[in-house]
Amino acid sequence: MLTKISKSSISIIQQRQFSNILKAFATVDPKNLGPQSRGYNLVKGEWKSTAVSREIIDPMNGKVMLTQPDT
């Protein structure tokens, strides 16, 4: 027996799939950030840094949280 799937059911399924994809991509653990942590730019499928970078300060303790590329 076939059942009719509503548009809202499809939307929920799509949201769950996107959530799983995002979890696989966004793997930064904020508890392990520190001065050794670096951000990179994704350029044509490759992770690249820049000649100039800036330090991001943790507002909770005033220490360097990570370094990110500066454009």
N, C-alpha and C. Protein backbone atom coordinates (compact mmCIF):
# COMPACT_ATOMS: atom_id res chain seq x y z
N MET A 1 0.84 -1.17 0.00
CA MET A 1 0.00 0.00 0.00
C MET A 1 0.89 1.25 0.00
N LEU A 2 0.66 2.15 -0.89
CA LEU A 2 1.41 3.39 -0.98
C LEU A 2 0.72 4.47 -0.17
N THR A 3 1.51 5.31 0.45
CA THR A 3 0.95 6.43 1.18
C THR A 3 1.42 7.72 0.55
N LYS A 4 0.65 8.73 0.73
CA LYS A 4 0.97 10.04 0.18
C LYS A 4 1.91 10.77 1.14
N ILE A 5 3.01 11.29 0.62
CA ILE A 5 3.97 12.04 1.43
C ILE A 5 3.69 13.52 1.26
N SER A 6 3.53 14.20 2.37
CA SER A 6 3.24 15.63 2.31
C SER A 6 4.49 16.43 2.03
N LYS A 7 4.31 17.66 1.60
CA LYS A 7 5.44 18.55 1.33
C LYS A 7 6.23 18.84 2.60
N SER A 8 5.54 18.94 3.73
CA SER A 8 6.25 19.20 4.99
C SER A 8 7.14 18.03 5.37
N SER A 9 6.71 16.79 5.07
CA SER A 9 7.54 15.62 5.36
C SER A 9 8.81 15.64 4.52
N ILE A 10 8.69 16.01 3.26
CA ILE A 10 9.85 16.11 2.38
C ILE A 10 10.80 17.19 2.88
N SER A 11 10.24 18.31 3.31
CA SER A 11 11.06 19.41 3.83
C SER A 11 11.84 18.97 5.06
N ILE A 12 11.24 18.21 5.95
CA ILE A 12 11.91 17.73 7.15
C ILE A 12 13.04 16.79 6.77
N ILE A 13 12.79 15.92 5.80
CA ILE A 13 13.82 15.00 5.33
C ILE A 13 14.99 15.77 4.74
N GLN A 14 14.72 16.79 3.94
CA GLN A 14 15.78 17.59 3.34
C GLN A 14 16.59 18.31 4.40
N GLN A 15 15.92 18.83 5.43
CA GLN A 15 16.61 19.53 6.51
C GLN A 15 17.54 18.58 7.26
N ARG A 16 17.09 17.36 7.50
CA ARG A 16 17.93 16.37 8.19
C ARG A 16 19.15 16.01 7.35
N GLN A 17 18.95 15.86 6.04
CA GLN A 17 20.07 15.54 5.17
C GLN A 17 21.09 16.67 5.17
N PHE A 18 20.60 17.93 5.09
CA PHE A 18 21.49 19.08 5.13
C PHE A 18 22.23 19.14 6.45
N SER A 19 21.53 18.86 7.54
CA SER A 19 22.15 18.88 8.86
C SER A 19 23.29 17.87 8.94
N ASN A 20 23.09 16.69 8.38
CA ASN A 20 24.15 15.66 8.38
C ASN A 20 25.34 16.10 7.55
N ILE A 21 25.09 16.73 6.42
CA ILE A 21 26.18 17.23 5.57
C ILE A 21 26.95 18.33 6.30
N LEU A 22 26.23 19.24 6.93
CA LEU A 22 26.88 20.33 7.66
C LEU A 22 27.71 19.80 8.82
N LYS A 23 27.21 18.82 9.54
CA LYS A 23 27.97 18.25 10.65
C LYS A 23 29.26 17.61 10.17
N ALA A 24 29.22 16.99 9.00
CA ALA A 24 30.42 16.37 8.44
C ALA A 24 31.43 17.43 7.99
N PHE A 25 30.96 18.61 7.58
CA PHE A 25 31.83 19.67 7.08
C PHE A 25 32.37 20.53 8.22
N ALA A 26 31.50 20.94 9.12
CA ALA A 26 31.87 21.84 10.21
C ALA A 26 32.35 21.03 11.39
N THR A 27 33.65 20.79 11.45
CA THR A 27 34.19 19.91 12.48
C THR A 27 35.09 20.63 13.48
N VAL A 28 34.91 21.91 13.64
CA VAL A 28 35.73 22.67 14.59
C VAL A 28 35.21 22.43 16.00
N ASP A 29 36.11 22.05 16.88
CA ASP A 29 35.75 21.88 18.29
C ASP A 29 36.21 23.13 19.04
N PRO A 30 35.28 23.98 19.47
CA PRO A 30 35.67 25.25 20.10
C PRO A 30 36.48 25.07 21.37
N LYS A 31 36.38 23.92 22.02
CA LYS A 31 37.13 23.68 23.25
C LYS A 31 38.62 23.50 22.97
N ASN A 32 38.96 23.15 21.73
CA ASN A 32 40.36 22.90 21.38
C ASN A 32 40.99 24.04 20.59
N LEU A 33 40.33 25.19 20.48
CA LEU A 33 40.90 26.33 19.77
C LEU A 33 41.99 26.97 20.61
N GLY A 34 43.03 27.45 19.94
CA GLY A 34 44.11 28.13 20.63
C GLY A 34 45.00 28.82 19.62
N PRO A 35 46.12 29.38 20.06
CA PRO A 35 47.00 30.12 19.15
C PRO A 35 47.50 29.29 17.98
N GLN A 36 47.55 27.97 18.13
CA GLN A 36 48.00 27.09 17.04
C GLN A 36 46.92 26.89 15.98
N SER A 37 45.69 27.27 16.26
CA SER A 37 44.58 27.07 15.32
C SER A 37 44.63 28.12 14.21
N ARG A 38 44.49 27.65 12.97
CA ARG A 38 44.55 28.56 11.82
C ARG A 38 43.34 28.35 10.94
N GLY A 39 42.84 29.44 10.39
CA GLY A 39 41.77 29.37 9.40
C GLY A 39 42.37 29.45 8.01
N TYR A 40 41.69 28.91 7.04
CA TYR A 40 42.15 28.93 5.65
C TYR A 40 41.00 29.30 4.74
N ASN A 41 41.32 29.77 3.55
CA ASN A 41 40.32 30.07 2.52
C ASN A 41 40.23 28.89 1.57
N LEU A 42 39.03 28.54 1.17
CA LEU A 42 38.84 27.49 0.17
C LEU A 42 38.79 28.16 -1.20
N VAL A 43 39.85 27.94 -2.00
CA VAL A 43 39.97 28.58 -3.31
C VAL A 43 40.11 27.49 -4.37
N LYS A 44 39.12 27.41 -5.24
CA LYS A 44 39.11 26.42 -6.32
C LYS A 44 39.39 25.01 -5.81
N GLY A 45 38.78 24.67 -4.67
CA GLY A 45 38.89 23.33 -4.13
C GLY A 45 40.12 23.07 -3.29
N GLU A 46 40.96 24.08 -3.06
CA GLU A 46 42.16 23.91 -2.25
C GLU A 46 42.14 24.88 -1.07
N TRP A 47 42.56 24.40 0.12
CA TRP A 47 42.65 25.25 1.29
C TRP A 47 43.95 26.05 1.23
N LYS A 48 43.82 27.38 1.26
CA LYS A 48 44.99 28.26 1.14
C LYS A 48 44.98 29.31 2.23
N SER A 49 46.17 29.72 2.62
CA SER A 49 46.34 30.81 3.58
C SER A 49 46.70 32.07 2.81
N THR A 50 46.85 33.17 3.49
CA THR A 50 47.26 34.42 2.86
C THR A 50 48.55 34.91 3.53
N ALA A 51 49.20 35.86 2.89
CA ALA A 51 50.44 36.41 3.45
C ALA A 51 50.17 37.15 4.76
N VAL A 52 49.00 37.75 4.86
CA VAL A 52 48.65 38.53 6.05
C VAL A 52 47.51 37.80 6.78
N SER A 53 47.63 37.71 8.09
CA SER A 53 46.57 37.09 8.88
C SER A 53 46.31 37.94 10.11
N ARG A 54 45.19 37.66 10.75
CA ARG A 54 44.87 38.41 11.97
C ARG A 54 44.50 37.44 13.08
N GLU A 55 44.79 37.82 14.30
CA GLU A 55 44.48 36.99 15.45
C GLU A 55 43.08 37.34 15.95
N ILE A 56 42.30 36.33 16.24
CA ILE A 56 40.96 36.50 16.79
C ILE A 56 41.06 36.23 18.28
N ILE A 57 40.62 37.19 19.08
CA ILE A 57 40.74 37.11 20.53
C ILE A 57 39.46 36.50 21.13
N ASP A 58 39.64 35.58 22.07
CA ASP A 58 38.52 34.99 22.78
C ASP A 58 38.00 36.02 23.77
N PRO A 59 36.74 36.44 23.65
CA PRO A 59 36.21 37.47 24.55
C PRO A 59 36.08 37.00 26.00
N MET A 60 36.10 35.70 26.21
CA MET A 60 35.94 35.17 27.56
C MET A 60 37.22 35.25 28.39
N ASN A 61 38.39 35.14 27.73
CA ASN A 61 39.63 35.15 28.51
C ASN A 61 40.68 36.13 27.98
N GLY A 62 40.44 36.77 26.82
CA GLY A 62 41.36 37.75 26.28
C GLY A 62 42.58 37.17 25.59
N LYS A 63 42.63 35.85 25.44
CA LYS A 63 43.76 35.20 24.77
C LYS A 63 43.43 34.94 23.30
N VAL A 64 44.46 34.67 22.52
CA VAL A 64 44.28 34.38 21.08
C VAL A 64 43.50 33.06 20.96
N MET A 65 42.40 33.13 20.18
CA MET A 65 41.57 31.95 19.99
C MET A 65 41.95 31.22 18.70
N LEU A 66 42.24 31.98 17.65
CA LEU A 66 42.67 31.41 16.37
C LEU A 66 43.21 32.51 15.49
N THR A 67 43.88 32.11 14.42
CA THR A 67 44.41 33.04 13.44
C THR A 67 43.68 32.79 12.13
N GLN A 68 43.19 33.86 11.51
CA GLN A 68 42.46 33.70 10.25
C GLN A 68 43.11 34.53 9.15
N PRO A 69 42.97 34.10 7.90
CA PRO A 69 43.52 34.86 6.78
C PRO A 69 42.86 36.24 6.70
N ASP A 70 43.65 37.22 6.36
CA ASP A 70 43.14 38.59 6.20
C ASP A 70 43.29 38.98 4.73
N THR A 71 42.25 39.56 4.17
CA THR A 71 42.32 39.94 2.76
C THR A 71 42.74 41.36 2.58
